[in-house]
Amino acid sequence: MLHADARGVEASTDDRGTAARRVGPPADSRRIRDREAVVLDADRVVRLALSTSRTLRPEFILGFHSLCIVKPLYDADWYMGSLQDDGSVDCWAAYGDLHEALRGL
């Protein structure tokens, strides 16, 4: 189970109740098979992959290894994308709500 404190530091426990802390960048994965999520700093460039000029202003970003779900300010949709090496996010799918976006992982 994942827990995050007010500073965004994450700690988790496995099925046996053993505590673990996540340190360093997330591992790369094509499809997420665990429940680990990290709230990422929203102060980063978020682009729509099909448009090199259109950017989103994120309200918050959930990181799942190399995939992200972005909730922009002033937009009801949720966007899925990939976290790039420079810290930016390239979004390539839109979902009507958070539940749909999480199922898309």
C-alpha atoms as a PDB file:
ATOM      1  CA  MET A   1       0.000   0.000   0.000  1.00  0.00           C
ATOM      2  CA  LEU A   2       1.363   3.424  -0.952  1.00  0.00           C
ATOM      3  CA  HIS A   3       1.311   6.369   1.432  1.00  0.00           C
ATOM      4  CA  ALA A   4       2.513   9.897   0.710  1.00  0.00           C
ATOM      5  CA  ASP A   5       3.110  12.568   3.316  1.00  0.00           C
ATOM      6  CA  ALA A   6       2.505  16.312   2.884  1.00  0.00           C
ATOM      7  CA  ARG A   7       5.963  16.721   1.313  1.00  0.00           C
ATOM      8  CA  GLY A   8       5.217  14.072  -1.322  1.00  0.00           C
ATOM      9  CA  VAL A   9       7.690  11.567   0.178  1.00  0.00           C
ATOM     10  CA  GLU A  10       6.343   8.162  -0.529  1.00  0.00           C
ATOM     11  CA  ALA A  11       6.512   5.029   1.554  1.00  0.00           C
ATOM     12  CA  SER A  12       4.831   1.722   0.939  1.00  0.00           C
ATOM     13  CA  THR A  13       4.278  -1.657   2.531  1.00  0.00           C
ATOM     14  CA  ASP A  14       4.277  -4.959   0.724  1.00  0.00           C
ATOM     15  CA  ASP A  15       1.814  -7.819   1.295  1.00  0.00           C
ATOM     16  CA  ARG A  16       3.742  -8.896   4.408  1.00  0.00           C
ATOM     17  CA  GLY A  17       3.622  -5.387   5.895  1.00  0.00           C
ATOM     18  CA  THR A  18       7.318  -4.711   5.291  1.00  0.00           C
ATOM     19  CA  ALA A  19       7.975  -0.970   4.926  1.00  0.00           C
ATOM     20  CA  ALA A  20       9.772   0.310   1.838  1.00  0.00           C
ATOM     21  CA  ARG A  21      10.697   3.749   0.530  1.00  0.00           C
ATOM     22  CA  ARG A  22      11.059   4.644  -3.104  1.00  0.00           C
ATOM     23  CA  VAL A  23      14.256   6.491  -3.931  1.00  0.00           C
ATOM     24  CA  GLY A  24      15.435   7.630  -7.349  1.00  0.00           C
ATOM     25  CA  PRO A  25      13.692   7.705 -10.711  1.00  0.00           C
ATOM     26  CA  PRO A  26      10.989   5.152 -11.488  1.00  0.00           C
ATOM     27  CA  ALA A  27      11.844   2.031 -13.452  1.00  0.00           C
ATOM     28  CA  ASP A  28      10.822   1.927 -17.109  1.00  0.00           C
ATOM     29  CA  SER A  29       7.792  -0.194 -17.950  1.00  0.00           C
ATOM     30  CA  ARG A  30       5.527  -0.531 -20.986  1.00  0.00           C
ATOM     31  CA  ARG A  31       2.471  -1.588 -18.964  1.00  0.00           C
ATOM     32  CA  ILE A  32       2.006  -0.909 -15.275  1.00  0.00           C
ATOM     33  CA  ARG A  33       1.339  -4.048 -13.228  1.00  0.00           C
ATOM     34  CA  ASP A  34       1.723  -2.669  -9.715  1.00  0.00           C
ATOM     35  CA  ARG A  35      -0.026  -0.034  -7.659  1.00  0.00           C
ATOM     36  CA  GLU A  36       2.856   2.381  -7.224  1.00  0.00           C
ATOM     37  CA  ALA A  37       2.092   5.996  -8.017  1.00  0.00           C
ATOM     38  CA  VAL A  38       3.957   9.237  -7.382  1.00  0.00           C
ATOM     39  CA  VAL A  39       2.582  12.777  -7.412  1.00  0.00           C
ATOM     40  CA  LEU A  40       4.987  14.690  -9.657  1.00  0.00           C
ATOM     41  CA  ASP A  41       5.763  18.389  -9.574  1.00  0.00           C
ATOM     42  CA  ALA A  42       3.348  20.147 -11.930  1.00  0.00           C
ATOM     43  CA  ASP A  43       5.960  22.767 -12.821  1.00  0.00           C
ATOM     44  CA  ARG A  44       7.041  21.104 -16.086  1.00  0.00           C
ATOM     45  CA  VAL A  45       6.261  21.258 -19.798  1.00  0.00           C
ATOM     46  CA  VAL A  46       3.313  19.083 -20.836  1.00  0.00           C
ATOM     47  CA  ARG A  47       2.729  18.760 -24.588  1.00  0.00           C
ATOM     48  CA  LEU A  48       0.069  17.102 -26.675  1.00  0.00           C
ATOM     49  CA  ALA A  49       2.008  14.604 -28.789  1.00  0.00           C
ATOM     50  CA  LEU A  50       0.071  15.310 -31.974  1.00  0.00           C
ATOM     51  CA  SER A  51       0.662  19.039 -31.672  1.00  0.00           C
ATOM     52  CA  THR A  52       4.174  20.408 -31.186  1.00  0.00           C
ATOM     53  CA  SER A  53       2.827  23.850 -30.301  1.00  0.00           C
ATOM     54  CA  ARG A  54      -0.061  23.009 -27.924  1.00  0.00           C
ATOM     55  CA  THR A  55       0.886  22.675 -24.282  1.00  0.00           C
ATOM     56  CA  LEU A  56      -1.206  21.951 -21.210  1.00  0.00           C
ATOM     57  CA  ARG A  57      -0.965  23.739 -17.876  1.00  0.00           C
ATOM     58  CA  PRO A  58      -1.146  20.881 -15.367  1.00  0.00           C
ATOM     59  CA  GLU A  59      -3.054  21.109 -12.107  1.00  0.00           C
ATOM     60  CA  PHE A  60      -1.347  17.900 -10.994  1.00  0.00           C
ATOM     61  CA  ILE A  61       0.486  14.923 -12.475  1.00  0.00           C
ATOM     62  CA  LEU A  62       0.393  11.308 -11.320  1.00  0.00           C
ATOM     63  CA  GLY A  63       3.458   9.298 -12.292  1.00  0.00           C
ATOM     64  CA  PHE A  64       3.351   5.538 -12.831  1.00  0.00           C
ATOM     65  CA  HIS A  65       6.930   4.615 -13.712  1.00  0.00           C
ATOM     66  CA  SER A  66       7.460   6.142 -17.174  1.00  0.00           C
ATOM     67  CA  LEU A  67       3.741   6.829 -17.756  1.00  0.00           C
ATOM     68  CA  CYS A  68       1.858   9.837 -16.419  1.00  0.00           C
ATOM     69  CA  ILE A  69      -1.732  10.943 -16.024  1.00  0.00           C
ATOM     70  CA  VAL A  70      -2.139  14.714 -16.234  1.00  0.00           C
ATOM     71  CA  LYS A  71      -5.103  16.776 -15.004  1.00  0.00           C
ATOM     72  CA  PRO A  72      -4.856  20.201 -16.657  1.00  0.00           C
ATOM     73  CA  LEU A  73      -6.261  23.386 -15.193  1.00  0.00           C
ATOM     74  CA  TYR A  74      -9.461  24.525 -16.908  1.00  0.00           C
ATOM     75  CA  ASP A  75     -10.020  21.166 -18.664  1.00  0.00           C
ATOM     76  CA  ALA A  76     -12.343  18.335 -17.627  1.00  0.00           C
ATOM     77  CA  ASP A  77     -10.354  15.659 -19.482  1.00  0.00           C
ATOM     78  CA  TRP A  78      -7.437  13.623 -18.130  1.00  0.00           C
ATOM     79  CA  TYR A  79      -4.441  12.995 -20.390  1.00  0.00           C
ATOM     80  CA  MET A  80      -2.069  10.045 -20.473  1.00  0.00           C
ATOM     81  CA  GLY A  81       1.486  10.462 -21.622  1.00  0.00           C
ATOM     82  CA  SER A  82       5.108   9.494 -21.263  1.00  0.00           C
ATOM     83  CA  LEU A  83       7.650  11.099 -18.961  1.00  0.00           C
ATOM     84  CA  GLN A  84      10.615  12.227 -21.054  1.00  0.00           C
ATOM     85  CA  ASP A  85      14.294  12.263 -20.022  1.00  0.00           C
ATOM     86  CA  ASP A  86      14.223  16.064 -19.680  1.00  0.00           C
ATOM     87  CA  GLY A  87      11.269  15.896 -17.233  1.00  0.00           C
ATOM     88  CA  SER A  88       8.640  17.011 -19.722  1.00  0.00           C
ATOM     89  CA  VAL A  89       5.523  14.962 -20.510  1.00  0.00           C
ATOM     90  CA  ASP A  90       4.256  14.118 -24.000  1.00  0.00           C
ATOM     91  CA  CYS A  91       0.543  13.241 -23.837  1.00  0.00           C
ATOM     92  CA  TRP A  92      -0.945  10.944 -26.463  1.00  0.00           C
ATOM     93  CA  ALA A  93      -4.388   9.994 -25.115  1.00  0.00           C
ATOM     94  CA  ALA A  94      -7.332  11.789 -23.496  1.00  0.00           C
ATOM     95  CA  TYR A  95      -9.909  10.316 -21.128  1.00  0.00           C
ATOM     96  CA  GLY A  96     -13.205  11.668 -19.840  1.00  0.00           C
ATOM     97  CA  ASP A  97     -12.481  10.887 -16.185  1.00  0.00           C
ATOM     98  CA  LEU A  98      -9.792   9.599 -13.843  1.00  0.00           C
ATOM     99  CA  HIS A  99     -11.291   6.104 -13.673  1.00  0.00           C
ATOM    100  CA  GLU A 100     -10.999   5.697 -17.461  1.00  0.00           C
ATOM    101  CA  ALA A 101      -7.432   7.019 -17.426  1.00  0.00           C
ATOM    102  CA  LEU A 102      -6.387   4.605 -14.674  1.00  0.00           C
ATOM    103  CA  ARG A 103      -7.956   1.696 -16.550  1.00  0.00           C
ATOM    104  CA  GLY A 104      -5.929   2.751 -19.603  1.00  0.00           C
ATOM    105  CA  LEU A 105      -2.688   2.056 -17.752  1.00  0.00           C
END
